Amino acid sequence: VAALERCKPIYEEMSGWSSPTASATTIEELPREAREYVDRLQELIGCPIDVISTGPHRHETIRVRPLIDAVSA
């Protein structure tokens, strides 16, 4: 708790996007601003983002990277 009391928020503004994203099936199909947002989140958290949800349905999920590495036999 003491560590949290020392935390200070950092506010960053980024460009938004008005294009719909629900039809995107790959990260390349997302608006440029959305891709920049994902890139910035990855920088801030220090790890890659593997899955992006563009809506509440299963088909509105983008797998940025494979969730499980293929195992060669």
PDB file of N, CA and C in Angstrom:
ATOM      1  N   VAL A   1       0.830  -1.189   0.000  1.00  0.00           N
ATOM      2  CA  VAL A   1       0.000   0.000   0.000  1.00  0.00           C
ATOM      3  C   VAL A   1       0.875   1.254   0.000  1.00  0.00           C
ATOM      4  N   ALA A   2       1.956   1.228   0.736  1.00  0.00           N
ATOM      5  CA  ALA A   2       2.825   2.400   0.790  1.00  0.00           C
ATOM      6  C   ALA A   2       3.390   2.727  -0.588  1.00  0.00           C
ATOM      7  N   ALA A   3       3.718   1.705  -1.356  1.00  0.00           N
ATOM      8  CA  ALA A   3       4.243   1.934  -2.706  1.00  0.00           C
ATOM      9  C   ALA A   3       3.191   2.602  -3.584  1.00  0.00           C
ATOM     10  N   LEU A   4       1.940   2.204  -3.436  1.00  0.00           N
ATOM     11  CA  LEU A   4       0.868   2.811  -4.226  1.00  0.00           C
ATOM     12  C   LEU A   4       0.656   4.269  -3.861  1.00  0.00           C
ATOM     13  N   GLU A   5       0.864   4.611  -2.605  1.00  0.00           N
ATOM     14  CA  GLU A   5       0.704   5.999  -2.176  1.00  0.00           C
ATOM     15  C   GLU A   5       1.748   6.907  -2.812  1.00  0.00           C
ATOM     16  N   ARG A   6       2.892   6.349  -3.185  1.00  0.00           N
ATOM     17  CA  ARG A   6       3.952   7.140  -3.819  1.00  0.00           C
ATOM     18  C   ARG A   6       3.770   7.253  -5.331  1.00  0.00           C
ATOM     19  N   CYS A   7       2.853   6.494  -5.880  1.00  0.00           N
ATOM     20  CA  CYS A   7       2.630   6.510  -7.330  1.00  0.00           C
ATOM     21  C   CYS A   7       1.996   7.823  -7.765  1.00  0.00           C
ATOM     22  N   LYS A   8       2.413   8.276  -8.917  1.00  0.00           N
ATOM     23  CA  LYS A   8       1.828   9.477  -9.504  1.00  0.00           C
ATOM     24  C   LYS A   8       1.341   9.110 -10.904  1.00  0.00           C
ATOM     25  N   PRO A   9       0.111   9.499 -11.235  1.00  0.00           N
ATOM     26  CA  PRO A   9      -0.408   9.171 -12.566  1.00  0.00           C
ATOM     27  C   PRO A   9       0.317   9.958 -13.657  1.00  0.00           C
ATOM     28  N   ILE A  10       0.465   9.335 -14.791  1.00  0.00           N
ATOM     29  CA  ILE A  10       1.017   9.992 -15.973  1.00  0.00           C
ATOM     30  C   ILE A  10      -0.096  10.011 -17.009  1.00  0.00           C
ATOM     31  N   TYR A  11      -0.474  11.176 -17.446  1.00  0.00           N
ATOM     32  CA  TYR A  11      -1.563  11.332 -18.401  1.00  0.00           C
ATOM     33  C   TYR A  11      -0.983  11.562 -19.787  1.00  0.00           C
ATOM     34  N   GLU A  12      -1.337  10.716 -20.715  1.00  0.00           N
ATOM     35  CA  GLU A  12      -0.902  10.870 -22.099  1.00  0.00           C
ATOM     36  C   GLU A  12      -2.123  10.987 -22.995  1.00  0.00           C
ATOM     37  N   GLU A  13      -2.055  11.880 -23.952  1.00  0.00           N
ATOM     38  CA  GLU A  13      -3.123  11.987 -24.942  1.00  0.00           C
ATOM     39  C   GLU A  13      -2.662  11.324 -26.224  1.00  0.00           C
ATOM     40  N   MET A  14      -3.580  10.585 -26.829  1.00  0.00           N
ATOM     41  CA  MET A  14      -3.298   9.941 -28.105  1.00  0.00           C
ATOM     42  C   MET A  14      -4.477  10.210 -29.032  1.00  0.00           C
ATOM     43  N   SER A  15      -4.220  10.130 -30.311  1.00  0.00           N
ATOM     44  CA  SER A  15      -5.292  10.313 -31.289  1.00  0.00           C
ATOM     45  C   SER A  15      -6.268   9.149 -31.202  1.00  0.00           C
ATOM     46  N   GLY A  16      -7.540   9.462 -31.284  1.00  0.00           N
ATOM     47  CA  GLY A  16      -8.563   8.426 -31.300  1.00  0.00           C
ATOM     48  C   GLY A  16      -8.866   8.006 -32.729  1.00  0.00           C
ATOM     49  N   TRP A  17      -9.824   7.122 -32.881  1.00  0.00           N
ATOM     50  CA  TRP A  17     -10.237   6.674 -34.210  1.00  0.00           C
ATOM     51  C   TRP A  17     -11.750   6.600 -34.255  1.00  0.00           C
ATOM     52  N   SER A  18     -12.303   6.883 -35.421  1.00  0.00           N
ATOM     53  CA  SER A  18     -13.756   6.859 -35.571  1.00  0.00           C
ATOM     54  C   SER A  18     -14.214   5.725 -36.481  1.00  0.00           C
ATOM     55  N   SER A  19     -13.273   5.046 -37.109  1.00  0.00           N
ATOM     56  CA  SER A  19     -13.625   3.913 -37.970  1.00  0.00           C
ATOM     57  C   SER A  19     -14.030   2.727 -37.110  1.00  0.00           C
ATOM     58  N   PRO A  20     -15.015   1.945 -37.553  1.00  0.00           N
ATOM     59  CA  PRO A  20     -15.390   0.753 -36.791  1.00  0.00           C
ATOM     60  C   PRO A  20     -14.263  -0.279 -36.811  1.00  0.00           C
ATOM     61  N   THR A  21     -14.140  -1.018 -35.740  1.00  0.00           N
ATOM     62  CA  THR A  21     -13.085  -2.023 -35.641  1.00  0.00           C
ATOM     63  C   THR A  21     -13.624  -3.447 -35.589  1.00  0.00           C
ATOM     64  N   ALA A  22     -14.928  -3.612 -35.403  1.00  0.00           N
ATOM     65  CA  ALA A  22     -15.500  -4.947 -35.203  1.00  0.00           C
ATOM     66  C   ALA A  22     -15.281  -5.871 -36.393  1.00  0.00           C
ATOM     67  N   SER A  23     -15.146  -5.335 -37.591  1.00  0.00           N
ATOM     68  CA  SER A  23     -14.960  -6.200 -38.756  1.00  0.00           C
ATOM     69  C   SER A  23     -13.500  -6.581 -38.981  1.00  0.00           C
ATOM     70  N   ALA A  24     -12.579  -5.997 -38.227  1.00  0.00           N
ATOM     71  CA  ALA A  24     -11.159  -6.306 -38.398  1.00  0.00           C
ATOM     72  C   ALA A  24     -10.874  -7.729 -37.936  1.00  0.00           C
ATOM     73  N   THR A  25     -10.108  -8.447 -38.746  1.00  0.00           N
ATOM     74  CA  THR A  25      -9.717  -9.809 -38.376  1.00  0.00           C
ATOM     75  C   THR A  25      -8.214  -9.926 -38.159  1.00  0.00           C
ATOM     76  N   THR A  26      -7.470  -8.879 -38.504  1.00  0.00           N
ATOM     77  CA  THR A  26      -6.032  -8.831 -38.255  1.00  0.00           C
ATOM     78  C   THR A  26      -5.695  -7.452 -37.708  1.00  0.00           C
ATOM     79  N   ILE A  27      -4.560  -7.354 -37.059  1.00  0.00           N
ATOM     80  CA  ILE A  27      -4.158  -6.059 -36.499  1.00  0.00           C
ATOM     81  C   ILE A  27      -3.916  -5.048 -37.617  1.00  0.00           C
ATOM     82  N   GLU A  28      -3.505  -5.525 -38.786  1.00  0.00           N
ATOM     83  CA  GLU A  28      -3.266  -4.622 -39.915  1.00  0.00           C
ATOM     84  C   GLU A  28      -4.557  -3.968 -40.405  1.00  0.00           C
ATOM     85  N   GLU A  29      -5.696  -4.599 -40.150  1.00  0.00           N
ATOM     86  CA  GLU A  29      -6.983  -4.040 -40.580  1.00  0.00           C
ATOM     87  C   GLU A  29      -7.520  -2.980 -39.620  1.00  0.00           C
ATOM     88  N   LEU A  30      -6.908  -2.838 -38.456  1.00  0.00           N
ATOM     89  CA  LEU A  30      -7.334  -1.809 -37.507  1.00  0.00           C
ATOM     90  C   LEU A  30      -6.893  -0.440 -38.002  1.00  0.00           C
ATOM     91  N   PRO A  31      -7.598   0.619 -37.616  1.00  0.00           N
ATOM     92  CA  PRO A  31      -7.150   1.972 -37.970  1.00  0.00           C
ATOM     93  C   PRO A  31      -5.744   2.228 -37.423  1.00  0.00           C
ATOM     94  N   ARG A  32      -4.997   3.057 -38.122  1.00  0.00           N
ATOM     95  CA  ARG A  32      -3.619   3.367 -37.720  1.00  0.00           C
ATOM     96  C   ARG A  32      -3.553   3.814 -36.266  1.00  0.00           C
ATOM     97  N   GLU A  33      -4.494   4.654 -35.849  1.00  0.00           N
ATOM     98  CA  GLU A  33      -4.481   5.165 -34.470  1.00  0.00           C
ATOM     99  C   GLU A  33      -4.678   4.037 -33.457  1.00  0.00           C
ATOM    100  N   ALA A  34      -5.479   3.057 -33.791  1.00  0.00           N
ATOM    101  CA  ALA A  34      -5.691   1.915 -32.895  1.00  0.00           C
ATOM    102  C   ALA A  34      -4.412   1.093 -32.779  1.00  0.00           C
ATOM    103  N   ARG A  35      -3.726   0.905 -33.899  1.00  0.00           N
ATOM    104  CA  ARG A  35      -2.457   0.161 -33.865  1.00  0.00           C
ATOM    105  C   ARG A  35      -1.413   0.918 -33.051  1.00  0.00           C
ATOM    106  N   GLU A  36      -1.387   2.248 -33.188  1.00  0.00           N
ATOM    107  CA  GLU A  36      -0.452   3.054 -32.398  1.00  0.00           C
ATOM    108  C   GLU A  36      -0.770   2.948 -30.909  1.00  0.00           C
ATOM    109  N   TYR A  37      -2.053   2.886 -30.574  1.00  0.00           N
ATOM    110  CA  TYR A  37      -2.474   2.734 -29.180  1.00  0.00           C
ATOM    111  C   TYR A  37      -1.982   1.396 -28.620  1.00  0.00           C
ATOM    112  N   VAL A  38      -2.157   0.334 -29.375  1.00  0.00           N
ATOM    113  CA  VAL A  38      -1.685  -0.989 -28.948  1.00  0.00           C
ATOM    114  C   VAL A  38      -0.165  -0.974 -28.785  1.00  0.00           C
ATOM    115  N   ASP A  39       0.544  -0.364 -29.730  1.00  0.00           N
ATOM    116  CA  ASP A  39       2.004  -0.270 -29.633  1.00  0.00           C
ATOM    117  C   ASP A  39       2.425   0.458 -28.364  1.00  0.00           C
ATOM    118  N   ARG A  40       1.740   1.545 -28.048  1.00  0.00           N
ATOM    119  CA  ARG A  40       2.089   2.320 -26.850  1.00  0.00           C
ATOM    120  C   ARG A  40       1.814   1.526 -25.581  1.00  0.00           C
ATOM    121  N   LEU A  41       0.689   0.809 -25.543  1.00  0.00           N
ATOM    122  CA  LEU A  41       0.400  -0.036 -24.383  1.00  0.00           C
ATOM    123  C   LEU A  41       1.497  -1.071 -24.176  1.00  0.00           C
ATOM    124  N   GLN A  42       1.954  -1.676 -25.267  1.00  0.00           N
ATOM    125  CA  GLN A  42       3.021  -2.669 -25.159  1.00  0.00           C
ATOM    126  C   GLN A  42       4.293  -2.047 -24.590  1.00  0.00           C
ATOM    127  N   GLU A  43       4.608  -0.833 -25.022  1.00  0.00           N
ATOM    128  CA  GLU A  43       5.780  -0.130 -24.486  1.00  0.00           C
ATOM    129  C   GLU A  43       5.631   0.106 -22.990  1.00  0.00           C
ATOM    130  N   LEU A  44       4.458   0.562 -22.576  1.00  0.00           N
ATOM    131  CA  LEU A  44       4.242   0.914 -21.174  1.00  0.00           C
ATOM    132  C   LEU A  44       4.251  -0.298 -20.251  1.00  0.00           C
ATOM    133  N   ILE A  45       3.652  -1.407 -20.692  1.00  0.00           N
ATOM    134  CA  ILE A  45       3.577  -2.577 -19.813  1.00  0.00           C
ATOM    135  C   ILE A  45       4.782  -3.492 -19.955  1.00  0.00           C
ATOM    136  N   GLY A  46       5.575  -3.280 -20.997  1.00  0.00           N
ATOM    137  CA  GLY A  46       6.798  -4.044 -21.152  1.00  0.00           C
ATOM    138  C   GLY A  46       6.608  -5.484 -21.590  1.00  0.00           C
ATOM    139  N   CYS A  47       5.501  -5.782 -22.229  1.00  0.00           N
ATOM    140  CA  CYS A  47       5.302  -7.132 -22.760  1.00  0.00           C
ATOM    141  C   CYS A  47       4.357  -7.055 -23.955  1.00  0.00           C
ATOM    142  N   PRO A  48       4.429  -8.060 -24.821  1.00  0.00           N
ATOM    143  CA  PRO A  48       3.588  -8.026 -26.017  1.00  0.00           C
ATOM    144  C   PRO A  48       2.121  -8.279 -25.709  1.00  0.00           C
ATOM    145  N   ILE A  49       1.268  -7.717 -26.531  1.00  0.00           N
ATOM    146  CA  ILE A  49      -0.167  -7.983 -26.459  1.00  0.00           C
ATOM    147  C   ILE A  49      -0.458  -9.054 -27.502  1.00  0.00           C
ATOM    148  N   ASP A  50      -1.021 -10.163 -27.065  1.00  0.00           N
ATOM    149  CA  ASP A  50      -1.258 -11.299 -27.950  1.00  0.00           C
ATOM    150  C   ASP A  50      -2.659 -11.325 -28.530  1.00  0.00           C
ATOM    151  N   VAL A  51      -3.633 -10.777 -27.804  1.00  0.00           N
ATOM    152  CA  VAL A  51      -5.030 -10.847 -28.219  1.00  0.00           C
ATOM    153  C   VAL A  51      -5.672  -9.476 -28.049  1.00  0.00           C
ATOM    154  N   ILE A  52      -6.470  -9.081 -29.043  1.00  0.00           N
ATOM    155  CA  ILE A  52      -7.219  -7.829 -28.985  1.00  0.00           C
ATOM    156  C   ILE A  52      -8.676  -8.164 -29.240  1.00  0.00           C
ATOM    157  N   SER A  53      -9.544  -7.664 -28.400  1.00  0.00           N
ATOM    158  CA  SER A  53     -10.976  -7.851 -28.606  1.00  0.00           C
ATOM    159  C   SER A  53     -11.551  -6.557 -29.160  1.00  0.00           C
ATOM    160  N   THR A  54     -12.309  -6.672 -30.241  1.00  0.00           N
ATOM    161  CA  THR A  54     -12.922  -5.491 -30.850  1.00  0.00           C
ATOM    162  C   THR A  54     -14.421  -5.447 -30.599  1.00  0.00           C
ATOM    163  N   GLY A  55     -14.915  -6.370 -29.797  1.00  0.00           N
ATOM    164  CA  GLY A  55     -16.338  -6.432 -29.491  1.00  0.00           C
ATOM    165  C   GLY A  55     -16.618  -7.586 -28.541  1.00  0.00           C
ATOM    166  N   PRO A  56     -17.868  -7.786 -28.179  1.00  0.00           N
ATOM    167  CA  PRO A  56     -18.218  -8.792 -27.173  1.00  0.00           C
ATOM    168  C   PRO A  56     -18.265 -10.229 -27.694  1.00  0.00           C
ATOM    169  N   HIS A  57     -18.231 -10.409 -29.005  1.00  0.00           N
ATOM    170  CA  HIS A  57     -18.389 -11.745 -29.570  1.00  0.00           C
ATOM    171  C   HIS A  57     -17.042 -12.398 -29.872  1.00  0.00           C
ATOM    172  N   ARG A  58     -17.044 -13.722 -29.862  1.00  0.00           N
ATOM    173  CA  ARG A  58     -15.814 -14.472 -30.091  1.00  0.00           C
ATOM    174  C   ARG A  58     -15.184 -14.134 -31.447  1.00  0.00           C
ATOM    175  N   HIS A  59     -16.005 -13.947 -32.467  1.00  0.00           N
ATOM    176  CA  HIS A  59     -15.455 -13.651 -33.793  1.00  0.00           C
ATOM    177  C   HIS A  59     -14.880 -12.227 -33.880  1.00  0.00           C
ATOM    178  N   GLU A  60     -15.034 -11.445 -32.831  1.00  0.00           N
ATOM    179  CA  GLU A  60     -14.478 -10.092 -32.786  1.00  0.00           C
ATOM    180  C   GLU A  60     -13.176 -10.067 -31.980  1.00  0.00           C
ATOM    181  N   THR A  61     -12.435 -11.146 -32.089  1.00  0.00           N
ATOM    182  CA  THR A  61     -11.162 -11.284 -31.396  1.00  0.00           C
ATOM    183  C   THR A  61     -10.048 -11.403 -32.422  1.00  0.00           C
ATOM    184  N   ILE A  62      -9.010 -10.623 -32.235  1.00  0.00           N
ATOM    185  CA  ILE A  62      -7.845 -10.670 -33.119  1.00  0.00           C
ATOM    186  C   ILE A  62      -6.699 -11.309 -32.345  1.00  0.00           C
ATOM    187  N   ARG A  63      -6.160 -12.367 -32.882  1.00  0.00           N
ATOM    188  CA  ARG A  63      -4.954 -12.971 -32.297  1.00  0.00           C
ATOM    189  C   ARG A  63      -3.756 -12.320 -32.974  1.00  0.00           C
ATOM    190  N   VAL A  64      -3.076 -11.485 -32.228  1.00  0.00           N
ATOM    191  CA  VAL A  64      -1.932 -10.751 -32.756  1.00  0.00           C
ATOM    192  C   VAL A  64      -0.755 -11.698 -32.941  1.00  0.00           C
ATOM    193  N   ARG A  65      -0.575 -12.580 -31.978  1.00  0.00           N
ATOM    194  CA  ARG A  65       0.484 -13.592 -32.006  1.00  0.00           C
ATOM    195  C   ARG A  65      -0.148 -14.921 -31.622  1.00  0.00           C
ATOM    196  N   PRO A  66       0.439 -16.021 -32.043  1.00  0.00           N
ATOM    197  CA  PRO A  66      -0.111 -17.321 -31.639  1.00  0.00           C
ATOM    198  C   PRO A  66      -0.103 -17.454 -30.116  1.00  0.00           C
ATOM    199  N   LEU A  67      -1.175 -18.005 -29.564  1.00  0.00           N
ATOM    200  CA  LEU A  67      -1.247 -18.175 -28.115  1.00  0.00           C
ATOM    201  C   LEU A  67      -0.377 -19.327 -27.641  1.00  0.00           C
ATOM    202  N   ILE A  68      -0.248 -20.328 -28.480  1.00  0.00           N
ATOM    203  CA  ILE A  68       0.583 -21.482 -28.140  1.00  0.00           C
ATOM    204  C   ILE A  68       1.523 -21.718 -29.310  1.00  0.00           C
ATOM    205  N   ASP A  69       2.814 -21.818 -29.007  1.00  0.00           N
ATOM    206  CA  ASP A  69       3.778 -22.094 -30.067  1.00  0.00           C
ATOM    207  C   ASP A  69       3.541 -23.488 -30.623  1.00  0.00           C
ATOM    208  N   ALA A  70       3.636 -23.604 -31.922  1.00  0.00           N
ATOM    209  CA  ALA A  70       3.487 -24.916 -32.554  1.00  0.00           C
ATOM    210  C   ALA A  70       4.665 -25.795 -32.157  1.00  0.00           C
ATOM    211  N   VAL A  71       4.360 -27.023 -31.866  1.00  0.00           N
ATOM    212  CA  VAL A  71       5.395 -27.980 -31.479  1.00  0.00           C
ATOM    213  C   VAL A  71       5.652 -28.877 -32.678  1.00  0.00           C
ATOM    214  N   SER A  72       6.891 -28.898 -33.112  1.00  0.00           N
ATOM    215  CA  SER A  72       7.210 -29.765 -34.251  1.00  0.00           C
ATOM    216  C   SER A  72       7.529 -31.160 -33.743  1.00  0.00           C
ATOM    217  N   ALA A  73       6.992 -32.145 -34.436  1.00  0.00           N
ATOM    218  CA  ALA A  73       7.185 -33.538 -34.013  1.00  0.00           C
ATOM    219  C   ALA A  73       8.358 -34.155 -34.715  1.00  0.00           C
TER     220      ALA A  73
END
